[in-house]
Amino acid sequence: MAGTEGGRLVSLGETGLEGSVTAGIEGSDAWWRRMPRFARWCRESFAEPLLSVLFPPRCVGCGDFESHLCDACRATLSEIGEGSCPRCGEPGPRALVAGRCSHCMSTEMSYAGARSAFRHQGVARRLVTEFKFGGQPVLGRLMADLARPAFAGQALSIGLPHELLVTWVPSHRAVQRQRGYNQAEVLARALAARAGQLPIAGLVRKAMLTRHQ
């Protein structure tokens, strides 16, 4: 997640529990543009609960049944906390010079600050991988529950709730057809809802197919 330089945009990237940044365009209210919302509602309200009955969830960390992330694996997540660099998000504590740490001192960035909730390792890495490539959009809502405190803190450091707009890195339509969803959008919507129903909009479309991160 990140805030734009000189603006008040909170953006969710493709790396799940780690952050990224972008910008972008809200579609019209034509019925055919509202179809993805209806499909998302059907998936979340009917398809996923039915699948959870037919195929009980398994922990992404250890494989145990009944939960997507068991208590033991959840306890292994390494929370970054407040000690990271406020500019690039590099875990700290770090010495800062003019708001920059040694990691980003000589790097120019197109956003004001980045924030990660957990270190991208172990169970957190597997959680992100299963969310992106495992066909499990339900994990996005689990990740939003885990990352909500860090996200809410970053958002409030940018501005008041009515001054913010949450967006996400777009996915190419070919990739989204293959996966069935854009994982960055799923995570962004879940985080915006959990942070007090922050305004949210898709702001750009991805016209060129690029390599997966």
N, C-alpha and C. Protein backbone atom coordinates (compact mmCIF):
# COMPACT_ATOMS: atom_id res chain seq x y z
N MET A 1 0.85 -1.18 0.00
CA MET A 1 0.00 0.00 0.00
C MET A 1 0.89 1.23 0.00
N ALA A 2 0.39 2.34 -0.54
CA ALA A 2 1.23 3.52 -0.62
C ALA A 2 0.38 4.76 -0.78
N GLY A 3 0.96 5.93 -0.51
CA GLY A 3 0.29 7.19 -0.74
C GLY A 3 1.01 7.94 -1.85
N THR A 4 0.27 8.61 -2.72
CA THR A 4 0.91 9.30 -3.83
C THR A 4 1.62 10.55 -3.34
N GLU A 5 2.64 10.95 -4.09
CA GLU A 5 3.38 12.18 -3.79
C GLU A 5 2.49 13.35 -4.13
N GLY A 6 2.17 14.15 -3.11
CA GLY A 6 1.36 15.33 -3.34
C GLY A 6 -0.12 15.03 -3.46
N GLY A 7 -0.58 13.80 -3.28
CA GLY A 7 -1.98 13.45 -3.38
C GLY A 7 -2.43 12.65 -2.19
N ARG A 8 -3.64 12.10 -2.28
CA ARG A 8 -4.17 11.32 -1.17
C ARG A 8 -4.77 10.03 -1.73
N LEU A 9 -3.92 9.26 -2.35
CA LEU A 9 -4.32 8.01 -2.97
C LEU A 9 -3.70 6.84 -2.23
N VAL A 10 -4.53 5.92 -1.79
CA VAL A 10 -4.03 4.71 -1.15
C VAL A 10 -4.15 3.58 -2.15
N SER A 11 -3.01 3.00 -2.55
CA SER A 11 -3.02 2.02 -3.64
C SER A 11 -2.54 0.67 -3.18
N LEU A 12 -3.21 -0.39 -3.64
CA LEU A 12 -2.84 -1.76 -3.32
C LEU A 12 -2.23 -2.42 -4.53
N GLY A 13 -1.05 -3.05 -4.31
CA GLY A 13 -0.34 -3.67 -5.42
C GLY A 13 -0.52 -5.17 -5.48
N GLU A 14 0.25 -5.81 -6.35
CA GLU A 14 0.08 -7.23 -6.62
C GLU A 14 0.76 -8.11 -5.59
N THR A 15 1.52 -7.54 -4.67
CA THR A 15 2.30 -8.38 -3.77
C THR A 15 1.58 -8.75 -2.49
N GLY A 16 0.29 -8.50 -2.44
CA GLY A 16 -0.51 -9.00 -1.33
C GLY A 16 -0.20 -8.33 -0.01
N LEU A 17 0.43 -9.01 0.95
CA LEU A 17 0.72 -8.43 2.25
C LEU A 17 1.81 -7.39 2.17
N GLU A 18 2.56 -7.35 1.08
CA GLU A 18 3.52 -6.29 0.87
C GLU A 18 2.89 -5.24 -0.05
N GLY A 19 3.46 -4.04 -0.12
CA GLY A 19 2.81 -2.96 -0.82
C GLY A 19 3.35 -2.67 -2.20
N SER A 20 2.58 -1.91 -2.97
CA SER A 20 2.98 -1.44 -4.29
C SER A 20 2.15 -0.20 -4.55
N VAL A 21 2.29 0.41 -5.74
CA VAL A 21 1.58 1.67 -5.99
C VAL A 21 1.18 1.81 -7.44
N THR A 22 0.08 2.51 -7.68
CA THR A 22 -0.36 2.83 -9.05
C THR A 22 -1.33 3.99 -9.01
N ALA A 23 -2.00 4.24 -10.17
CA ALA A 23 -3.04 5.24 -10.24
C ALA A 23 -4.18 4.74 -11.12
N GLY A 24 -5.27 5.46 -11.49
CA GLY A 24 -6.23 5.11 -12.45
C GLY A 24 -7.63 5.51 -12.73
N ILE A 25 -9.20 4.75 -13.62
CA ILE A 25 -10.39 5.37 -14.19
C ILE A 25 -11.64 4.59 -13.82
N GLU A 26 -12.54 5.33 -13.30
CA GLU A 26 -13.78 4.70 -12.86
C GLU A 26 -14.67 4.51 -14.06
N GLY A 27 -15.21 3.30 -14.23
CA GLY A 27 -16.07 3.01 -15.36
C GLY A 27 -17.42 3.70 -15.22
N SER A 28 -18.18 3.71 -16.31
CA SER A 28 -19.50 4.30 -16.28
C SER A 28 -20.46 3.40 -15.52
N ASP A 29 -21.71 3.87 -15.36
CA ASP A 29 -22.70 3.08 -14.64
C ASP A 29 -23.55 2.23 -15.56
N ALA A 30 -23.10 2.01 -16.80
CA ALA A 30 -23.83 1.14 -17.71
C ALA A 30 -23.95 -0.25 -17.09
N TRP A 31 -25.06 -0.94 -17.40
CA TRP A 31 -25.32 -2.23 -16.75
C TRP A 31 -24.19 -3.21 -16.97
N TRP A 32 -23.59 -3.17 -18.18
CA TRP A 32 -22.55 -4.16 -18.46
C TRP A 32 -21.29 -3.90 -17.68
N ARG A 33 -21.12 -2.67 -17.17
CA ARG A 33 -19.98 -2.41 -16.30
C ARG A 33 -20.26 -2.83 -14.87
N ARG A 34 -21.56 -2.99 -14.54
CA ARG A 34 -21.89 -3.43 -13.19
C ARG A 34 -21.89 -4.94 -13.05
N MET A 35 -21.77 -5.66 -14.16
CA MET A 35 -21.78 -7.11 -14.12
C MET A 35 -20.68 -7.69 -13.24
N PRO A 36 -19.43 -7.17 -13.30
CA PRO A 36 -18.40 -7.73 -12.39
C PRO A 36 -18.78 -7.63 -10.92
N ARG A 37 -19.51 -6.58 -10.53
CA ARG A 37 -19.95 -6.45 -9.15
C ARG A 37 -20.95 -7.56 -8.80
N PHE A 38 -21.87 -7.82 -9.72
CA PHE A 38 -22.85 -8.88 -9.48
C PHE A 38 -22.16 -10.23 -9.40
N ALA A 39 -21.18 -10.46 -10.30
CA ALA A 39 -20.45 -11.73 -10.28
C ALA A 39 -19.67 -11.88 -8.98
N ARG A 40 -19.07 -10.77 -8.50
CA ARG A 40 -18.33 -10.82 -7.23
C ARG A 40 -19.27 -11.13 -6.07
N TRP A 41 -20.47 -10.51 -6.09
CA TRP A 41 -21.44 -10.77 -5.03
C TRP A 41 -21.89 -12.23 -5.04
N CYS A 42 -22.14 -12.79 -6.23
CA CYS A 42 -22.54 -14.20 -6.34
C CYS A 42 -21.44 -15.12 -5.83
N ARG A 43 -20.19 -14.80 -6.18
CA ARG A 43 -19.08 -15.64 -5.74
C ARG A 43 -18.94 -15.62 -4.23
N GLU A 44 -18.99 -14.41 -3.64
CA GLU A 44 -18.77 -14.28 -2.20
C GLU A 44 -19.96 -14.78 -1.39
N SER A 45 -21.19 -14.63 -1.93
CA SER A 45 -22.38 -14.97 -1.17
C SER A 45 -22.82 -16.41 -1.33
N PHE A 46 -22.51 -17.01 -2.48
CA PHE A 46 -23.01 -18.35 -2.75
C PHE A 46 -21.91 -19.36 -3.07
N ALA A 47 -21.06 -19.02 -4.05
CA ALA A 47 -20.08 -20.01 -4.53
C ALA A 47 -19.08 -20.39 -3.44
N GLU A 48 -18.48 -19.40 -2.79
CA GLU A 48 -17.45 -19.72 -1.80
C GLU A 48 -18.01 -20.43 -0.57
N PRO A 49 -19.17 -20.02 -0.01
CA PRO A 49 -19.72 -20.79 1.10
C PRO A 49 -20.05 -22.24 0.71
N LEU A 50 -20.57 -22.43 -0.51
CA LEU A 50 -20.89 -23.80 -0.95
C LEU A 50 -19.62 -24.63 -1.09
N LEU A 51 -18.59 -24.04 -1.69
CA LEU A 51 -17.34 -24.77 -1.86
C LEU A 51 -16.69 -25.11 -0.51
N SER A 52 -16.87 -24.22 0.47
CA SER A 52 -16.27 -24.49 1.79
C SER A 52 -16.93 -25.68 2.47
N VAL A 53 -18.20 -25.96 2.09
CA VAL A 53 -18.88 -27.13 2.64
C VAL A 53 -18.44 -28.39 1.91
N LEU A 54 -18.36 -28.29 0.57
CA LEU A 54 -17.97 -29.45 -0.23
C LEU A 54 -16.48 -29.77 -0.06
N PHE A 55 -15.68 -28.72 0.03
CA PHE A 55 -14.23 -28.88 0.16
C PHE A 55 -13.76 -28.04 1.35
N PRO A 56 -13.73 -28.62 2.54
CA PRO A 56 -13.34 -27.86 3.75
C PRO A 56 -12.01 -27.16 3.56
N PRO A 57 -11.90 -25.92 4.06
CA PRO A 57 -10.65 -25.17 3.89
C PRO A 57 -9.48 -25.85 4.57
N ARG A 58 -8.29 -25.64 3.99
CA ARG A 58 -7.07 -26.18 4.57
C ARG A 58 -6.10 -25.05 4.81
N CYS A 59 -5.36 -25.13 5.88
CA CYS A 59 -4.38 -24.11 6.24
C CYS A 59 -3.31 -24.03 5.15
N VAL A 60 -3.01 -22.82 4.68
CA VAL A 60 -2.00 -22.65 3.64
C VAL A 60 -0.60 -22.93 4.17
N GLY A 61 -0.45 -22.91 5.50
CA GLY A 61 0.86 -23.15 6.07
C GLY A 61 1.18 -24.62 6.30
N CYS A 62 0.25 -25.33 6.99
CA CYS A 62 0.54 -26.72 7.38
C CYS A 62 -0.38 -27.74 6.74
N GLY A 63 -1.48 -27.29 6.11
CA GLY A 63 -2.38 -28.22 5.45
C GLY A 63 -3.49 -28.77 6.32
N ASP A 64 -3.55 -28.39 7.59
CA ASP A 64 -4.63 -28.85 8.46
C ASP A 64 -5.98 -28.35 7.94
N PHE A 65 -7.03 -29.12 8.21
CA PHE A 65 -8.37 -28.75 7.75
C PHE A 65 -9.05 -27.76 8.70
N GLU A 66 -10.18 -27.23 8.22
CA GLU A 66 -11.11 -26.37 8.97
C GLU A 66 -10.74 -24.90 9.00
N SER A 67 -9.57 -24.52 8.54
CA SER A 67 -9.18 -23.10 8.56
C SER A 67 -8.19 -22.82 7.44
N HIS A 68 -8.30 -21.64 6.84
CA HIS A 68 -7.34 -21.25 5.81
C HIS A 68 -5.99 -20.88 6.40
N LEU A 69 -5.98 -20.54 7.69
CA LEU A 69 -4.74 -20.23 8.38
C LEU A 69 -4.93 -20.58 9.85
N CYS A 70 -4.31 -21.67 10.28
CA CYS A 70 -4.51 -22.11 11.66
C CYS A 70 -3.78 -21.18 12.63
N ASP A 71 -4.12 -21.30 13.91
CA ASP A 71 -3.54 -20.42 14.93
C ASP A 71 -2.02 -20.58 15.01
N ALA A 72 -1.55 -21.82 14.87
CA ALA A 72 -0.11 -22.06 14.98
C ALA A 72 0.65 -21.38 13.85
N CYS A 73 0.12 -21.48 12.62
CA CYS A 73 0.79 -20.85 11.49
C CYS A 73 0.64 -19.33 11.52
N ARG A 74 -0.51 -18.87 12.00
CA ARG A 74 -0.71 -17.42 12.14
C ARG A 74 0.32 -16.82 13.10
N ALA A 75 0.66 -17.58 14.13
CA ALA A 75 1.62 -17.08 15.13
C ALA A 75 3.03 -16.94 14.56
N THR A 76 3.31 -17.59 13.42
CA THR A 76 4.65 -17.49 12.83
C THR A 76 4.82 -16.27 11.94
N LEU A 77 3.74 -15.56 11.65
CA LEU A 77 3.83 -14.36 10.82
C LEU A 77 4.68 -13.31 11.53
N SER A 78 5.61 -12.73 10.80
CA SER A 78 6.52 -11.74 11.38
C SER A 78 6.01 -10.33 11.08
N GLU A 79 5.38 -9.73 12.07
CA GLU A 79 4.81 -8.40 11.89
C GLU A 79 5.92 -7.34 11.85
N ILE A 80 5.78 -6.42 10.91
CA ILE A 80 6.83 -5.40 10.75
C ILE A 80 6.68 -4.29 11.78
N GLY A 81 5.48 -3.87 12.07
CA GLY A 81 5.28 -2.85 13.09
C GLY A 81 5.62 -1.45 12.61
N GLU A 82 5.84 -0.56 13.56
CA GLU A 82 6.02 0.86 13.25
C GLU A 82 7.46 1.24 12.95
N GLY A 83 8.39 0.32 13.10
CA GLY A 83 9.80 0.70 12.99
C GLY A 83 10.36 0.73 11.58
N SER A 84 9.54 0.58 10.56
CA SER A 84 10.05 0.55 9.19
C SER A 84 10.24 1.96 8.65
N CYS A 85 10.96 2.05 7.53
CA CYS A 85 11.16 3.35 6.88
C CYS A 85 9.82 3.87 6.39
N PRO A 86 9.42 5.10 6.75
CA PRO A 86 8.13 5.62 6.34
C PRO A 86 8.05 5.93 4.83
N ARG A 87 9.21 5.96 4.18
CA ARG A 87 9.22 6.29 2.75
C ARG A 87 9.15 5.04 1.88
N CYS A 88 10.06 4.08 2.08
CA CYS A 88 10.11 2.91 1.21
C CYS A 88 9.53 1.67 1.87
N GLY A 89 9.30 1.71 3.18
CA GLY A 89 8.71 0.57 3.88
C GLY A 89 9.70 -0.49 4.30
N GLU A 90 10.99 -0.28 4.07
CA GLU A 90 12.00 -1.26 4.47
C GLU A 90 11.93 -1.49 5.97
N PRO A 91 11.85 -2.76 6.40
CA PRO A 91 11.76 -3.04 7.85
C PRO A 91 12.93 -2.44 8.61
N GLY A 92 12.65 -1.99 9.80
CA GLY A 92 13.65 -1.31 10.60
C GLY A 92 13.87 -1.99 11.93
N PRO A 93 14.22 -1.21 12.97
CA PRO A 93 14.35 0.25 12.94
C PRO A 93 15.54 0.72 12.11
N ARG A 94 15.40 1.90 11.50
CA ARG A 94 16.43 2.40 10.60
C ARG A 94 16.71 3.87 10.90
N ALA A 95 17.96 4.25 10.73
CA ALA A 95 18.33 5.66 10.88
C ALA A 95 17.87 6.41 9.64
N LEU A 96 17.24 7.57 9.84
CA LEU A 96 16.69 8.35 8.74
C LEU A 96 17.45 9.65 8.58
N VAL A 97 17.65 10.05 7.32
CA VAL A 97 18.23 11.35 6.99
C VAL A 97 17.27 12.02 6.02
N ALA A 98 16.67 13.14 6.44
CA ALA A 98 15.70 13.85 5.62
C ALA A 98 14.56 12.92 5.20
N GLY A 99 14.14 12.04 6.12
CA GLY A 99 13.03 11.15 5.84
C GLY A 99 13.36 9.94 4.99
N ARG A 100 14.66 9.71 4.72
CA ARG A 100 15.07 8.58 3.89
C ARG A 100 16.02 7.68 4.68
N CYS A 101 15.88 6.36 4.43
CA CYS A 101 16.79 5.42 5.06
C CYS A 101 17.90 5.05 4.07
N SER A 102 18.85 4.24 4.51
CA SER A 102 19.97 3.87 3.64
C SER A 102 19.51 3.07 2.44
N HIS A 103 18.37 2.40 2.56
CA HIS A 103 17.86 1.58 1.46
C HIS A 103 17.31 2.43 0.32
N CYS A 104 16.71 3.57 0.63
CA CYS A 104 16.07 4.40 -0.41
C CYS A 104 16.72 5.78 -0.55
N MET A 105 17.85 5.98 0.12
CA MET A 105 18.49 7.29 0.13
C MET A 105 18.71 7.86 -1.26
N SER A 106 19.19 7.03 -2.18
CA SER A 106 19.53 7.53 -3.52
C SER A 106 18.48 7.18 -4.56
N THR A 107 17.30 6.77 -4.12
CA THR A 107 16.26 6.33 -5.05
C THR A 107 15.12 7.33 -5.08
N GLU A 108 14.73 7.74 -6.29
CA GLU A 108 13.56 8.61 -6.45
C GLU A 108 12.33 7.73 -6.62
N MET A 109 11.25 8.07 -5.94
CA MET A 109 10.03 7.26 -5.97
C MET A 109 8.85 8.11 -6.38
N SER A 110 7.85 7.46 -6.96
CA SER A 110 6.67 8.16 -7.45
C SER A 110 5.55 8.17 -6.42
N TYR A 111 5.84 7.79 -5.19
CA TYR A 111 4.84 7.80 -4.14
C TYR A 111 5.47 8.36 -2.87
N ALA A 112 4.60 8.78 -1.94
CA ALA A 112 5.08 9.44 -0.74
C ALA A 112 5.55 8.46 0.33
N GLY A 113 4.92 7.29 0.42
CA GLY A 113 5.30 6.35 1.45
C GLY A 113 4.72 4.98 1.20
N ALA A 114 5.40 3.96 1.70
CA ALA A 114 4.94 2.57 1.56
C ALA A 114 4.91 1.90 2.92
N ARG A 115 4.05 0.91 3.06
CA ARG A 115 3.90 0.24 4.35
C ARG A 115 3.56 -1.21 4.11
N SER A 116 4.27 -2.11 4.75
CA SER A 116 3.97 -3.54 4.70
C SER A 116 3.52 -4.00 6.08
N ALA A 117 2.64 -4.98 6.11
CA ALA A 117 2.13 -5.48 7.38
C ALA A 117 3.03 -6.56 7.96
N PHE A 118 3.53 -7.48 7.10
CA PHE A 118 4.34 -8.60 7.56
C PHE A 118 5.52 -8.81 6.61
N ARG A 119 6.56 -9.43 7.11
CA ARG A 119 7.68 -9.80 6.25
C ARG A 119 7.23 -10.88 5.27
N HIS A 120 7.68 -10.75 4.03
CA HIS A 120 7.27 -11.66 2.95
C HIS A 120 8.14 -12.91 3.01
N GLN A 121 7.83 -13.77 3.96
CA GLN A 121 8.63 -14.98 4.17
C GLN A 121 7.74 -16.05 4.82
N GLY A 122 8.15 -17.31 4.69
CA GLY A 122 7.46 -18.41 5.34
C GLY A 122 5.98 -18.49 4.99
N VAL A 123 5.14 -18.53 6.02
CA VAL A 123 3.70 -18.66 5.83
C VAL A 123 3.13 -17.46 5.08
N ALA A 124 3.63 -16.27 5.34
CA ALA A 124 3.14 -15.08 4.64
C ALA A 124 3.38 -15.21 3.13
N ARG A 125 4.55 -15.71 2.74
CA ARG A 125 4.85 -15.90 1.32
C ARG A 125 3.90 -16.93 0.70
N ARG A 126 3.64 -18.04 1.41
CA ARG A 126 2.74 -19.06 0.87
C ARG A 126 1.31 -18.53 0.78
N LEU A 127 0.92 -17.69 1.74
CA LEU A 127 -0.41 -17.10 1.71
C LEU A 127 -0.58 -16.23 0.47
N VAL A 128 0.42 -15.40 0.17
CA VAL A 128 0.37 -14.54 -1.01
C VAL A 128 0.34 -15.39 -2.28
N THR A 129 1.15 -16.43 -2.35
CA THR A 129 1.22 -17.27 -3.54
C THR A 129 -0.10 -17.98 -3.80
N GLU A 130 -0.71 -18.53 -2.75
CA GLU A 130 -1.99 -19.22 -2.92
C GLU A 130 -3.09 -18.24 -3.31
N PHE A 131 -3.03 -17.04 -2.78
CA PHE A 131 -4.01 -16.01 -3.12
C PHE A 131 -3.89 -15.61 -4.59
N LYS A 132 -2.67 -15.44 -5.05
CA LYS A 132 -2.45 -14.98 -6.43
C LYS A 132 -2.65 -16.08 -7.46
N PHE A 133 -2.12 -17.26 -7.18
CA PHE A 133 -2.08 -18.30 -8.20
C PHE A 133 -2.89 -19.56 -7.86
N GLY A 134 -3.44 -19.64 -6.66
CA GLY A 134 -4.13 -20.85 -6.22
C GLY A 134 -5.63 -20.83 -6.39
N GLY A 135 -6.17 -19.76 -7.01
CA GLY A 135 -7.60 -19.70 -7.22
C GLY A 135 -8.41 -19.59 -5.95
N GLN A 136 -7.90 -18.89 -4.95
CA GLN A 136 -8.60 -18.77 -3.67
C GLN A 136 -8.78 -17.29 -3.30
N PRO A 137 -9.75 -16.61 -3.93
CA PRO A 137 -9.97 -15.19 -3.58
C PRO A 137 -10.37 -14.98 -2.13
N VAL A 138 -10.90 -16.03 -1.48
CA VAL A 138 -11.28 -15.90 -0.07
C VAL A 138 -10.07 -15.54 0.79
N LEU A 139 -8.87 -15.91 0.34
CA LEU A 139 -7.67 -15.57 1.11
C LEU A 139 -7.43 -14.07 1.15
N GLY A 140 -7.93 -13.35 0.17
CA GLY A 140 -7.77 -11.90 0.18
C GLY A 140 -8.46 -11.27 1.37
N ARG A 141 -9.61 -11.78 1.73
CA ARG A 141 -10.32 -11.24 2.89
C ARG A 141 -9.64 -11.63 4.19
N LEU A 142 -9.06 -12.82 4.21
CA LEU A 142 -8.25 -13.21 5.37
C LEU A 142 -7.04 -12.29 5.51
N MET A 143 -6.36 -12.03 4.40
CA MET A 143 -5.20 -11.14 4.43
C MET A 143 -5.59 -9.73 4.84
N ALA A 144 -6.78 -9.28 4.43
CA ALA A 144 -7.24 -7.95 4.83
C ALA A 144 -7.47 -7.88 6.33
N ASP A 145 -7.99 -8.96 6.91
CA ASP A 145 -8.16 -8.99 8.37
C ASP A 145 -6.81 -8.87 9.07
N LEU A 146 -5.81 -9.56 8.54
CA LEU A 146 -4.48 -9.54 9.15
C LEU A 146 -3.80 -8.17 8.98
N ALA A 147 -3.98 -7.57 7.81
CA ALA A 147 -3.25 -6.33 7.49
C ALA A 147 -4.02 -5.06 7.86
N ARG A 148 -5.24 -5.21 8.36
CA ARG A 148 -6.07 -4.03 8.62
C ARG A 148 -5.41 -2.99 9.53
N PRO A 149 -4.80 -3.36 10.66
CA PRO A 149 -4.19 -2.32 11.49
C PRO A 149 -3.11 -1.53 10.77
N ALA A 150 -2.24 -2.22 10.02
CA ALA A 150 -1.18 -1.52 9.28
C ALA A 150 -1.77 -0.65 8.19
N PHE A 151 -2.78 -1.16 7.49
CA PHE A 151 -3.41 -0.39 6.42
C PHE A 151 -4.11 0.85 6.97
N ALA A 152 -4.88 0.67 8.04
CA ALA A 152 -5.60 1.80 8.62
C ALA A 152 -4.63 2.87 9.11
N GLY A 153 -3.53 2.45 9.73
CA GLY A 153 -2.54 3.41 10.19
C GLY A 153 -1.91 4.18 9.04
N GLN A 154 -1.57 3.48 7.95
CA GLN A 154 -1.00 4.15 6.79
C GLN A 154 -2.00 5.11 6.16
N ALA A 155 -3.25 4.67 6.05
CA ALA A 155 -4.27 5.52 5.43
C ALA A 155 -4.48 6.80 6.23
N LEU A 156 -4.58 6.68 7.55
CA LEU A 156 -4.81 7.85 8.38
C LEU A 156 -3.61 8.78 8.42
N SER A 157 -2.41 8.24 8.14
CA SER A 157 -1.23 9.10 8.09
C SER A 157 -1.23 9.95 6.82
N ILE A 158 -2.03 9.56 5.82
CA ILE A 158 -2.12 10.31 4.56
C ILE A 158 -3.16 11.41 4.65
N GLY A 159 -4.30 11.11 5.27
CA GLY A 159 -5.35 12.11 5.36
C GLY A 159 -6.56 11.57 6.08
N LEU A 160 -7.60 12.40 6.20
CA LEU A 160 -8.84 11.99 6.83
C LEU A 160 -9.60 11.06 5.90
N PRO A 161 -10.47 10.20 6.45
CA PRO A 161 -11.17 9.22 5.61
C PRO A 161 -11.88 9.82 4.40
N HIS A 162 -12.52 10.98 4.56
CA HIS A 162 -13.25 11.56 3.44
C HIS A 162 -12.32 12.17 2.39
N GLU A 163 -11.02 12.26 2.69
CA GLU A 163 -10.05 12.79 1.75
C GLU A 163 -9.33 11.69 0.96
N LEU A 164 -9.61 10.44 1.29
CA LEU A 164 -8.87 9.32 0.71
C LEU A 164 -9.65 8.63 -0.39
N LEU A 165 -8.92 8.01 -1.29
CA LEU A 165 -9.50 7.14 -2.31
C LEU A 165 -8.60 5.92 -2.44
N VAL A 166 -9.16 4.74 -2.23
CA VAL A 166 -8.40 3.49 -2.33
C VAL A 166 -8.51 2.97 -3.76
N THR A 167 -7.40 2.53 -4.31
CA THR A 167 -7.41 1.92 -5.64
C THR A 167 -6.46 0.73 -5.65
N TRP A 168 -6.25 0.13 -6.81
CA TRP A 168 -5.42 -1.08 -6.89
C TRP A 168 -4.69 -1.12 -8.22
N VAL A 169 -3.64 -1.93 -8.28
CA VAL A 169 -2.93 -2.15 -9.53
C VAL A 169 -3.81 -2.99 -10.44
N PRO A 170 -4.08 -2.55 -11.66
CA PRO A 170 -4.96 -3.31 -12.55
C PRO A 170 -4.30 -4.59 -13.04
N SER A 171 -5.13 -5.53 -13.44
CA SER A 171 -4.65 -6.78 -14.02
C SER A 171 -5.07 -6.82 -15.48
N HIS A 172 -4.21 -7.35 -16.35
CA HIS A 172 -4.58 -7.48 -17.76
C HIS A 172 -5.77 -8.42 -17.88
N ARG A 173 -6.68 -8.13 -18.81
CA ARG A 173 -7.90 -8.91 -18.91
C ARG A 173 -7.63 -10.40 -19.18
N ALA A 174 -6.54 -10.70 -19.89
CA ALA A 174 -6.20 -12.11 -20.16
C ALA A 174 -5.82 -12.82 -18.87
N VAL A 175 -5.07 -12.15 -18.01
CA VAL A 175 -4.67 -12.73 -16.72
C VAL A 175 -5.88 -12.86 -15.81
N GLN A 176 -6.74 -11.86 -15.82
CA GLN A 176 -7.91 -11.90 -14.95
C GLN A 176 -8.87 -12.99 -15.39
N ARG A 177 -9.00 -13.23 -16.69
CA ARG A 177 -9.83 -14.33 -17.17
C ARG A 177 -9.26 -15.66 -16.70
N GLN A 178 -7.95 -15.78 -16.72
CA GLN A 178 -7.29 -17.02 -16.33
C GLN A 178 -7.47 -17.30 -14.83
N ARG A 179 -7.30 -16.26 -14.01
CA ARG A 179 -7.41 -16.43 -12.56
C ARG A 179 -8.84 -16.38 -12.07
N GLY A 180 -9.68 -15.63 -12.79
CA GLY A 180 -11.05 -15.44 -12.35
C GLY A 180 -11.25 -14.21 -11.50
N TYR A 181 -10.18 -13.51 -11.14
CA TYR A 181 -10.26 -12.31 -10.32
C TYR A 181 -8.92 -11.59 -10.37
N ASN A 182 -8.94 -10.31 -9.99
CA ASN A 182 -7.72 -9.54 -9.81
C ASN A 182 -7.43 -9.50 -8.32
N GLN A 183 -6.36 -10.15 -7.90
CA GLN A 183 -6.09 -10.28 -6.47
C GLN A 183 -5.88 -8.93 -5.80
N ALA A 184 -5.31 -7.96 -6.50
CA ALA A 184 -5.10 -6.64 -5.91
C ALA A 184 -6.43 -5.95 -5.64
N GLU A 185 -7.40 -6.13 -6.55
CA GLU A 185 -8.72 -5.54 -6.35
C GLU A 185 -9.45 -6.19 -5.17
N VAL A 186 -9.39 -7.51 -5.09
CA VAL A 186 -10.03 -8.22 -3.98
C VAL A 186 -9.48 -7.72 -2.64
N LEU A 187 -8.16 -7.61 -2.55
CA LEU A 187 -7.52 -7.16 -1.32
C LEU A 187 -7.87 -5.71 -1.03
N ALA A 188 -7.85 -4.85 -2.05
CA ALA A 188 -8.16 -3.43 -1.86
C ALA A 188 -9.58 -3.24 -1.36
N ARG A 189 -10.54 -3.94 -1.95
CA ARG A 189 -11.93 -3.79 -1.53
C ARG A 189 -12.13 -4.27 -0.10
N ALA A 190 -11.49 -5.38 0.24
CA ALA A 190 -11.62 -5.90 1.60
C ALA A 190 -11.00 -4.96 2.62
N LEU A 191 -9.84 -4.39 2.30
CA LEU A 191 -9.18 -3.47 3.23
C LEU A 191 -9.97 -2.17 3.37
N ALA A 192 -10.49 -1.65 2.27
CA ALA A 192 -11.27 -0.41 2.33
C ALA A 192 -12.51 -0.60 3.20
N ALA A 193 -13.14 -1.77 3.09
CA ALA A 193 -14.33 -2.05 3.91
C ALA A 193 -13.97 -2.16 5.38
N ARG A 194 -12.84 -2.78 5.68
CA ARG A 194 -12.44 -3.00 7.07
C ARG A 194 -11.87 -1.75 7.72
N ALA A 195 -11.49 -0.77 6.91
CA ALA A 195 -10.93 0.47 7.45
C ALA A 195 -11.97 1.57 7.54
N GLY A 196 -13.24 1.19 7.61
CA GLY A 196 -14.29 2.18 7.77
C GLY A 196 -14.98 2.57 6.48
N GLN A 197 -15.10 1.63 5.55
CA GLN A 197 -15.78 1.88 4.27
C GLN A 197 -15.17 3.07 3.54
N LEU A 198 -13.87 3.05 3.36
CA LEU A 198 -13.20 4.11 2.62
C LEU A 198 -13.65 4.09 1.15
N PRO A 199 -13.72 5.25 0.50
CA PRO A 199 -14.08 5.29 -0.92
C PRO A 199 -13.08 4.49 -1.74
N ILE A 200 -13.56 3.81 -2.77
CA ILE A 200 -12.69 2.96 -3.57
C ILE A 200 -13.12 3.02 -5.02
N ALA A 201 -12.14 3.00 -5.93
CA ALA A 201 -12.44 3.05 -7.37
C ALA A 201 -11.27 2.47 -8.15
N GLY A 202 -11.58 1.82 -9.26
CA GLY A 202 -10.55 1.41 -10.20
C GLY A 202 -10.20 2.59 -11.07
N LEU A 203 -8.94 2.94 -11.17
CA LEU A 203 -8.56 4.19 -11.82
C LEU A 203 -7.84 4.03 -13.16
N VAL A 204 -7.28 2.87 -13.43
CA VAL A 204 -6.63 2.66 -14.72
C VAL A 204 -6.91 1.26 -15.23
N ARG A 205 -6.70 1.05 -16.52
CA ARG A 205 -6.76 -0.27 -17.12
C ARG A 205 -5.38 -0.65 -17.63
N LYS A 206 -5.06 -1.92 -17.56
CA LYS A 206 -3.77 -2.42 -18.02
C LYS A 206 -3.90 -2.85 -19.46
N ALA A 207 -3.23 -2.14 -20.36
CA ALA A 207 -3.39 -2.41 -21.79
C ALA A 207 -2.37 -3.41 -22.31
N MET A 208 -1.23 -3.53 -21.62
CA MET A 208 -0.15 -4.40 -22.11
C MET A 208 0.07 -5.54 -21.15
N LEU A 209 0.15 -6.75 -21.69
CA LEU A 209 0.42 -7.94 -20.88
C LEU A 209 1.88 -7.96 -20.48
N THR A 210 2.15 -8.08 -19.18
CA THR A 210 3.51 -8.08 -18.67
C THR A 210 3.79 -9.37 -17.91
N ARG A 211 5.04 -9.60 -17.57
CA ARG A 211 5.43 -10.79 -16.87
C ARG A 211 4.93 -10.75 -15.43
N HIS A 212 4.55 -11.91 -14.90
CA HIS A 212 4.09 -11.98 -13.51
C HIS A 212 5.22 -11.59 -12.56
N GLN A 213 4.82 -10.91 -11.45
CA GLN A 213 5.79 -10.58 -10.40
C GLN A 213 6.02 -11.79 -9.52
